[in-house]
């Protein structure tokens, strides 16, 4: 059997729209759009390229809202963080983008 199909998606259509709107925004928004796009390409190649967050540190809201049991962090340029989870089966691996935030927001959310 060949390699699994890899896919990247957003957890909601609303988050996908938020991402797409970045492309039309100010310079910083356009830069963030490019950073996230590059992350999507990396995740297509290697879904485990991020850093796995220890289960005990996963914010309860992510567990409650998205029913996840694993969370990864992908470091974007300019100290931005992209958070994603991975779902899959024998045929396909899907990286699901949950959120992105500044390093400061990330530290606050994860109580660092």
C-alpha atoms as a PDB file:
ATOM      1  CA  UNK A   1       0.000   0.000   0.000  1.00  0.00           C
ATOM      2  CA  UNK A   2       1.237   3.518  -0.842  1.00  0.00           C
ATOM      3  CA  UNK A   3       1.741   6.561   1.302  1.00  0.00           C
ATOM      4  CA  UNK A   4      -1.256   8.054   3.082  1.00  0.00           C
ATOM      5  CA  UNK A   5      -3.062  11.024   1.555  1.00  0.00           C
ATOM      6  CA  UNK A   6      -2.249  14.219   3.484  1.00  0.00           C
ATOM      7  CA  UNK A   7      -4.630  17.121   3.795  1.00  0.00           C
ATOM      8  CA  UNK A   8      -4.757  20.427   5.691  1.00  0.00           C
ATOM      9  CA  UNK A   9      -8.028  22.059   6.657  1.00  0.00           C
ATOM     10  CA  UNK A  10      -9.458  24.574   9.090  1.00  0.00           C
ATOM     11  CA  UNK A  11     -11.580  23.495  12.038  1.00  0.00           C
ATOM     12  CA  UNK A  12     -14.452  25.761  10.931  1.00  0.00           C
ATOM     13  CA  UNK A  13     -15.495  27.666   7.818  1.00  0.00           C
ATOM     14  CA  UNK A  14     -15.370  30.829   9.942  1.00  0.00           C
ATOM     15  CA  UNK A  15     -11.673  30.280  10.711  1.00  0.00           C
ATOM     16  CA  UNK A  16     -11.001  29.594   7.022  1.00  0.00           C
ATOM     17  CA  UNK A  17     -12.700  32.904   6.127  1.00  0.00           C
ATOM     18  CA  UNK A  18     -10.640  34.704   8.786  1.00  0.00           C
ATOM     19  CA  UNK A  19      -7.520  33.268   7.141  1.00  0.00           C
ATOM     20  CA  UNK A  20      -8.630  34.296   3.642  1.00  0.00           C
ATOM     21  CA  UNK A  21      -9.417  37.861   4.783  1.00  0.00           C
ATOM     22  CA  UNK A  22      -5.795  38.239   5.929  1.00  0.00           C
ATOM     23  CA  UNK A  23      -4.782  38.248   2.264  1.00  0.00           C
ATOM     24  CA  UNK A  24      -6.677  41.507   1.728  1.00  0.00           C
ATOM     25  CA  UNK A  25      -5.533  43.234   4.923  1.00  0.00           C
ATOM     26  CA  UNK A  26      -2.694  45.501   5.954  1.00  0.00           C
ATOM     27  CA  UNK A  27       0.936  44.532   5.401  1.00  0.00           C
ATOM     28  CA  UNK A  28       1.126  42.593   8.680  1.00  0.00           C
ATOM     29  CA  UNK A  29      -2.024  40.630   7.797  1.00  0.00           C
ATOM     30  CA  UNK A  30      -0.644  39.760   4.362  1.00  0.00           C
ATOM     31  CA  UNK A  31       2.594  38.601   5.981  1.00  0.00           C
ATOM     32  CA  UNK A  32       0.659  36.416   8.430  1.00  0.00           C
ATOM     33  CA  UNK A  33      -1.330  34.981   5.503  1.00  0.00           C
ATOM     34  CA  UNK A  34       1.969  34.017   3.817  1.00  0.00           C
ATOM     35  CA  UNK A  35       3.320  32.491   7.043  1.00  0.00           C
ATOM     36  CA  UNK A  36       0.185  30.376   7.539  1.00  0.00           C
ATOM     37  CA  UNK A  37       0.213  29.344   3.886  1.00  0.00           C
ATOM     38  CA  UNK A  38       3.818  28.157   4.258  1.00  0.00           C
ATOM     39  CA  UNK A  39       2.820  26.237   7.395  1.00  0.00           C
ATOM     40  CA  UNK A  40      -0.009  24.584   5.439  1.00  0.00           C
ATOM     41  CA  UNK A  41       2.498  23.473   2.783  1.00  0.00           C
ATOM     42  CA  UNK A  42       4.840  22.089   5.460  1.00  0.00           C
ATOM     43  CA  UNK A  43       1.960  20.237   7.142  1.00  0.00           C
ATOM     44  CA  UNK A  44       0.985  18.732   3.772  1.00  0.00           C
ATOM     45  CA  UNK A  45       4.481  17.265   3.504  1.00  0.00           C
ATOM     46  CA  UNK A  46       4.919  16.308   7.163  1.00  0.00           C
ATOM     47  CA  UNK A  47       1.959  16.558   9.563  1.00  0.00           C
ATOM     48  CA  UNK A  48       4.218  15.943  12.579  1.00  0.00           C
ATOM     49  CA  UNK A  49       6.566  18.855  11.768  1.00  0.00           C
ATOM     50  CA  UNK A  50       5.268  20.908  14.696  1.00  0.00           C
ATOM     51  CA  UNK A  51       5.964  20.458  18.395  1.00  0.00           C
ATOM     52  CA  UNK A  52       3.544  18.265  20.301  1.00  0.00           C
ATOM     53  CA  UNK A  53       1.998  19.978  23.326  1.00  0.00           C
ATOM     54  CA  UNK A  54       1.928  17.728  26.420  1.00  0.00           C
ATOM     55  CA  UNK A  55      -1.643  16.545  27.034  1.00  0.00           C
ATOM     56  CA  UNK A  56      -1.760  18.105  30.506  1.00  0.00           C
ATOM     57  CA  UNK A  57      -1.088  21.536  28.968  1.00  0.00           C
ATOM     58  CA  UNK A  58      -3.826  21.448  26.306  1.00  0.00           C
ATOM     59  CA  UNK A  59      -6.277  24.238  27.158  1.00  0.00           C
ATOM     60  CA  UNK A  60      -9.591  22.794  28.364  1.00  0.00           C
ATOM     61  CA  UNK A  61     -11.474  24.951  25.835  1.00  0.00           C
ATOM     62  CA  UNK A  62      -9.815  23.077  22.943  1.00  0.00           C
ATOM     63  CA  UNK A  63     -10.726  19.723  24.451  1.00  0.00           C
ATOM     64  CA  UNK A  64     -14.304  20.867  25.069  1.00  0.00           C
ATOM     65  CA  UNK A  65     -14.852  22.752  21.788  1.00  0.00           C
ATOM     66  CA  UNK A  66     -13.030  20.423  19.401  1.00  0.00           C
ATOM     67  CA  UNK A  67     -12.934  17.113  21.324  1.00  0.00           C
ATOM     68  CA  UNK A  68      -9.212  16.710  20.712  1.00  0.00           C
ATOM     69  CA  UNK A  69      -6.744  14.592  22.650  1.00  0.00           C
ATOM     70  CA  UNK A  70      -3.575  15.815  20.908  1.00  0.00           C
ATOM     71  CA  UNK A  71      -2.368  19.301  20.020  1.00  0.00           C
ATOM     72  CA  UNK A  72       0.622  20.522  18.033  1.00  0.00           C
ATOM     73  CA  UNK A  73       2.258  23.954  17.811  1.00  0.00           C
ATOM     74  CA  UNK A  74       3.911  25.219  14.651  1.00  0.00           C
ATOM     75  CA  UNK A  75       6.180  28.231  15.164  1.00  0.00           C
ATOM     76  CA  UNK A  76       5.523  30.911  12.561  1.00  0.00           C
ATOM     77  CA  UNK A  77       7.866  33.849  11.869  1.00  0.00           C
ATOM     78  CA  UNK A  78       7.578  37.025  13.977  1.00  0.00           C
ATOM     79  CA  UNK A  79       6.745  34.947  17.087  1.00  0.00           C
ATOM     80  CA  UNK A  80       3.317  33.823  15.867  1.00  0.00           C
ATOM     81  CA  UNK A  81       2.046  30.365  16.818  1.00  0.00           C
ATOM     82  CA  UNK A  82      -0.226  28.070  14.794  1.00  0.00           C
ATOM     83  CA  UNK A  83      -2.120  25.388  16.715  1.00  0.00           C
ATOM     84  CA  UNK A  84      -3.371  22.239  15.040  1.00  0.00           C
ATOM     85  CA  UNK A  85      -4.447  18.693  15.689  1.00  0.00           C
ATOM     86  CA  UNK A  86      -4.134  15.615  13.532  1.00  0.00           C
ATOM     87  CA  UNK A  87      -6.894  13.177  12.641  1.00  0.00           C
ATOM     88  CA  UNK A  88      -6.736  10.274  10.284  1.00  0.00           C
ATOM     89  CA  UNK A  89      -7.300   6.694   9.367  1.00  0.00           C
ATOM     90  CA  UNK A  90      -5.564   3.998   7.307  1.00  0.00           C
ATOM     91  CA  UNK A  91      -5.884   6.073   4.138  1.00  0.00           C
ATOM     92  CA  UNK A  92      -5.663   9.757   5.060  1.00  0.00           C
ATOM     93  CA  UNK A  93      -3.967  12.100   7.555  1.00  0.00           C
ATOM     94  CA  UNK A  94      -5.647  15.476   8.090  1.00  0.00           C
ATOM     95  CA  UNK A  95      -3.946  18.370   9.880  1.00  0.00           C
ATOM     96  CA  UNK A  96      -6.739  20.516  11.304  1.00  0.00           C
ATOM     97  CA  UNK A  97      -5.799  24.138  12.009  1.00  0.00           C
ATOM     98  CA  UNK A  98      -7.504  25.287  15.211  1.00  0.00           C
ATOM     99  CA  UNK A  99      -6.030  28.709  15.882  1.00  0.00           C
ATOM    100  CA  UNK A 100      -3.130  31.101  15.453  1.00  0.00           C
ATOM    101  CA  UNK A 101      -1.958  33.754  17.851  1.00  0.00           C
ATOM    102  CA  UNK A 102       0.946  35.925  18.887  1.00  0.00           C
ATOM    103  CA  UNK A 103       3.584  34.520  21.208  1.00  0.00           C
ATOM    104  CA  UNK A 104       2.207  36.698  24.012  1.00  0.00           C
ATOM    105  CA  UNK A 105      -1.352  35.344  23.503  1.00  0.00           C
ATOM    106  CA  UNK A 106       0.080  31.824  23.357  1.00  0.00           C
ATOM    107  CA  UNK A 107       1.923  32.294  26.659  1.00  0.00           C
ATOM    108  CA  UNK A 108      -1.261  33.621  28.264  1.00  0.00           C
ATOM    109  CA  UNK A 109      -3.428  30.767  26.943  1.00  0.00           C
ATOM    110  CA  UNK A 110      -0.953  28.107  28.045  1.00  0.00           C
ATOM    111  CA  UNK A 111      -0.127  29.833  31.366  1.00  0.00           C
ATOM    112  CA  UNK A 112       3.608  30.176  30.716  1.00  0.00           C
END
